[in-house]
Amino acid sequence: MLQESPARDARGGTWLALAAAFAVLVLPVAAMADPTNITNGLNSIETWLISAAKIIAVIAFIGCGLAKMMGRMQWGYFFSVMAGCAIVFGAAQLAQWMQ
């Protein structure tokens, strides 16, 4: 079985020390960052996700309605899709109620 050389272990420790020094120098700056930029970024992600979810929900409603009209879907699946859409779009309100 091959054993690692001592030089390889020393280099790994050097890289770890450099990474730790870099983190100590950079993280305080990141902690002092302006929170409005982060908030704006998260709000834009939320807006995009909601718009994408609306499109998916419309397709799900149409598909479930057609499948139910043709007798190809059980009531349990139908109501689970409807409840899932209600939970997705009501999540913000539910979170506010829990606070």
C-alpha atoms as a PDB file:
ATOM      1  CA  MET A   1       0.000   0.000   0.000  1.00  0.00           C
ATOM      2  CA  LEU A   2       1.283   3.472  -0.878  1.00  0.00           C
ATOM      3  CA  GLN A   3       1.780   6.039   1.853  1.00  0.00           C
ATOM      4  CA  GLU A   4       1.520   9.768   1.353  1.00  0.00           C
ATOM      5  CA  SER A   5       4.680  11.798   1.549  1.00  0.00           C
ATOM      6  CA  PRO A   6       5.156  14.314   4.391  1.00  0.00           C
ATOM      7  CA  ALA A   7       5.514  17.144   1.849  1.00  0.00           C
ATOM      8  CA  ARG A   8       1.983  16.516   0.615  1.00  0.00           C
ATOM      9  CA  ASP A   9       0.591  16.808   4.156  1.00  0.00           C
ATOM     10  CA  ALA A  10       2.472  20.067   4.743  1.00  0.00           C
ATOM     11  CA  ARG A  11       1.087  21.617   1.542  1.00  0.00           C
ATOM     12  CA  GLY A  12      -2.450  20.715   2.566  1.00  0.00           C
ATOM     13  CA  GLY A  13      -1.927  22.496   5.882  1.00  0.00           C
ATOM     14  CA  THR A  14      -0.527  25.541   4.081  1.00  0.00           C
ATOM     15  CA  TRP A  15      -3.586  25.822   1.859  1.00  0.00           C
ATOM     16  CA  LEU A  16      -5.841  25.440   4.879  1.00  0.00           C
ATOM     17  CA  ALA A  17      -3.996  28.248   6.692  1.00  0.00           C
ATOM     18  CA  LEU A  18      -4.251  30.512   3.627  1.00  0.00           C
ATOM     19  CA  ALA A  19      -7.965  29.802   3.293  1.00  0.00           C
ATOM     20  CA  ALA A  20      -8.507  30.573   6.983  1.00  0.00           C
ATOM     21  CA  ALA A  21      -6.559  33.843   6.702  1.00  0.00           C
ATOM     22  CA  PHE A  22      -8.564  34.832   3.627  1.00  0.00           C
ATOM     23  CA  ALA A  23     -11.839  34.086   5.436  1.00  0.00           C
ATOM     24  CA  VAL A  24     -10.803  36.189   8.425  1.00  0.00           C
ATOM     25  CA  LEU A  25      -9.978  39.117   6.147  1.00  0.00           C
ATOM     26  CA  VAL A  26     -13.029  38.898   3.868  1.00  0.00           C
ATOM     27  CA  LEU A  27     -15.916  37.799   6.097  1.00  0.00           C
ATOM     28  CA  PRO A  28     -16.055  40.929   8.288  1.00  0.00           C
ATOM     29  CA  VAL A  29     -16.443  43.006   5.124  1.00  0.00           C
ATOM     30  CA  ALA A  30     -19.288  40.780   3.940  1.00  0.00           C
ATOM     31  CA  ALA A  31     -20.948  41.037   7.345  1.00  0.00           C
ATOM     32  CA  MET A  32     -20.962  44.834   7.056  1.00  0.00           C
ATOM     33  CA  ALA A  33     -22.537  44.755   3.577  1.00  0.00           C
ATOM     34  CA  ASP A  34     -25.591  46.835   2.801  1.00  0.00           C
ATOM     35  CA  PRO A  35     -28.643  44.619   3.440  1.00  0.00           C
ATOM     36  CA  THR A  36     -30.805  46.432   0.895  1.00  0.00           C
ATOM     37  CA  ASN A  37     -28.894  44.844  -1.992  1.00  0.00           C
ATOM     38  CA  ILE A  38     -29.521  41.385  -0.564  1.00  0.00           C
ATOM     39  CA  THR A  39     -33.178  42.199   0.060  1.00  0.00           C
ATOM     40  CA  ASN A  40     -33.618  43.518  -3.482  1.00  0.00           C
ATOM     41  CA  GLY A  41     -32.021  40.387  -4.910  1.00  0.00           C
ATOM     42  CA  LEU A  42     -34.215  38.081  -2.856  1.00  0.00           C
ATOM     43  CA  ASN A  43     -37.323  40.065  -3.789  1.00  0.00           C
ATOM     44  CA  SER A  44     -36.521  39.737  -7.482  1.00  0.00           C
ATOM     45  CA  ILE A  45     -36.022  35.981  -7.073  1.00  0.00           C
ATOM     46  CA  GLU A  46     -39.372  35.755  -5.264  1.00  0.00           C
ATOM     47  CA  THR A  47     -41.092  37.695  -8.045  1.00  0.00           C
ATOM     48  CA  TRP A  48     -39.618  35.417 -10.701  1.00  0.00           C
ATOM     49  CA  LEU A  49     -40.600  32.258  -8.809  1.00  0.00           C
ATOM     50  CA  ILE A  50     -44.164  33.467  -8.324  1.00  0.00           C
ATOM     51  CA  SER A  51     -44.536  34.326 -12.004  1.00  0.00           C
ATOM     52  CA  ALA A  52     -43.188  30.898 -13.005  1.00  0.00           C
ATOM     53  CA  ALA A  53     -45.472  29.189 -10.468  1.00  0.00           C
ATOM     54  CA  LYS A  54     -48.512  31.015 -11.869  1.00  0.00           C
ATOM     55  CA  ILE A  55     -47.815  29.607 -15.316  1.00  0.00           C
ATOM     56  CA  ILE A  56     -47.383  26.090 -13.928  1.00  0.00           C
ATOM     57  CA  ALA A  57     -50.561  26.426 -11.840  1.00  0.00           C
ATOM     58  CA  VAL A  58     -52.616  27.528 -14.844  1.00  0.00           C
ATOM     59  CA  ILE A  59     -51.376  24.519 -16.826  1.00  0.00           C
ATOM     60  CA  ALA A  60     -52.135  22.239 -13.845  1.00  0.00           C
ATOM     61  CA  PHE A  61     -55.656  23.644 -13.476  1.00  0.00           C
ATOM     62  CA  ILE A  62     -56.361  23.235 -17.180  1.00  0.00           C
ATOM     63  CA  GLY A  63     -54.930  19.712 -17.261  1.00  0.00           C
ATOM     64  CA  CYS A  64     -56.791  18.605 -14.151  1.00  0.00           C
ATOM     65  CA  GLY A  65     -60.048  20.128 -15.360  1.00  0.00           C
ATOM     66  CA  LEU A  66     -59.826  18.403 -18.729  1.00  0.00           C
ATOM     67  CA  ALA A  67     -58.805  15.089 -17.186  1.00  0.00           C
ATOM     68  CA  LYS A  68     -61.657  15.283 -14.673  1.00  0.00           C
ATOM     69  CA  MET A  69     -64.191  16.193 -17.387  1.00  0.00           C
ATOM     70  CA  MET A  70     -63.136  13.136 -19.385  1.00  0.00           C
ATOM     71  CA  GLY A  71     -63.261  10.896 -16.347  1.00  0.00           C
ATOM     72  CA  ARG A  72     -59.534  10.157 -16.431  1.00  0.00           C
ATOM     73  CA  MET A  73     -58.697  11.513 -12.971  1.00  0.00           C
ATOM     74  CA  GLN A  74     -59.819  10.524  -9.503  1.00  0.00           C
ATOM     75  CA  TRP A  75     -61.203  13.104  -7.117  1.00  0.00           C
ATOM     76  CA  GLY A  76     -58.309  12.615  -4.690  1.00  0.00           C
ATOM     77  CA  TYR A  77     -55.686  13.591  -7.256  1.00  0.00           C
ATOM     78  CA  PHE A  78     -57.816  16.494  -8.424  1.00  0.00           C
ATOM     79  CA  PHE A  79     -58.164  17.972  -4.934  1.00  0.00           C
ATOM     80  CA  SER A  80     -54.506  17.330  -4.092  1.00  0.00           C
ATOM     81  CA  VAL A  81     -53.423  19.422  -7.092  1.00  0.00           C
ATOM     82  CA  MET A  82     -55.831  22.182  -6.117  1.00  0.00           C
ATOM     83  CA  ALA A  83     -54.662  22.103  -2.476  1.00  0.00           C
ATOM     84  CA  GLY A  84     -51.018  22.147  -3.593  1.00  0.00           C
ATOM     85  CA  CYS A  85     -51.600  25.273  -5.671  1.00  0.00           C
ATOM     86  CA  ALA A  86     -53.411  26.910  -2.746  1.00  0.00           C
ATOM     87  CA  ILE A  87     -50.481  26.134  -0.436  1.00  0.00           C
ATOM     88  CA  VAL A  88     -47.894  27.454  -2.893  1.00  0.00           C
ATOM     89  CA  PHE A  89     -49.681  30.755  -3.426  1.00  0.00           C
ATOM     90  CA  GLY A  90     -50.786  31.074   0.197  1.00  0.00           C
ATOM     91  CA  ALA A  91     -47.342  30.368   1.680  1.00  0.00           C
ATOM     92  CA  ALA A  92     -46.510  34.037   2.287  1.00  0.00           C
ATOM     93  CA  GLN A  93     -49.810  34.601   4.078  1.00  0.00           C
ATOM     94  CA  LEU A  94     -49.346  31.416   6.134  1.00  0.00           C
ATOM     95  CA  ALA A  95     -45.876  32.544   7.178  1.00  0.00           C
ATOM     96  CA  GLN A  96     -47.235  35.927   8.280  1.00  0.00           C
ATOM     97  CA  TRP A  97     -49.943  34.240  10.349  1.00  0.00           C
ATOM     98  CA  MET A  98     -47.358  32.083  12.114  1.00  0.00           C
ATOM     99  CA  GLN A  99     -45.305  35.077  13.287  1.00  0.00           C
END
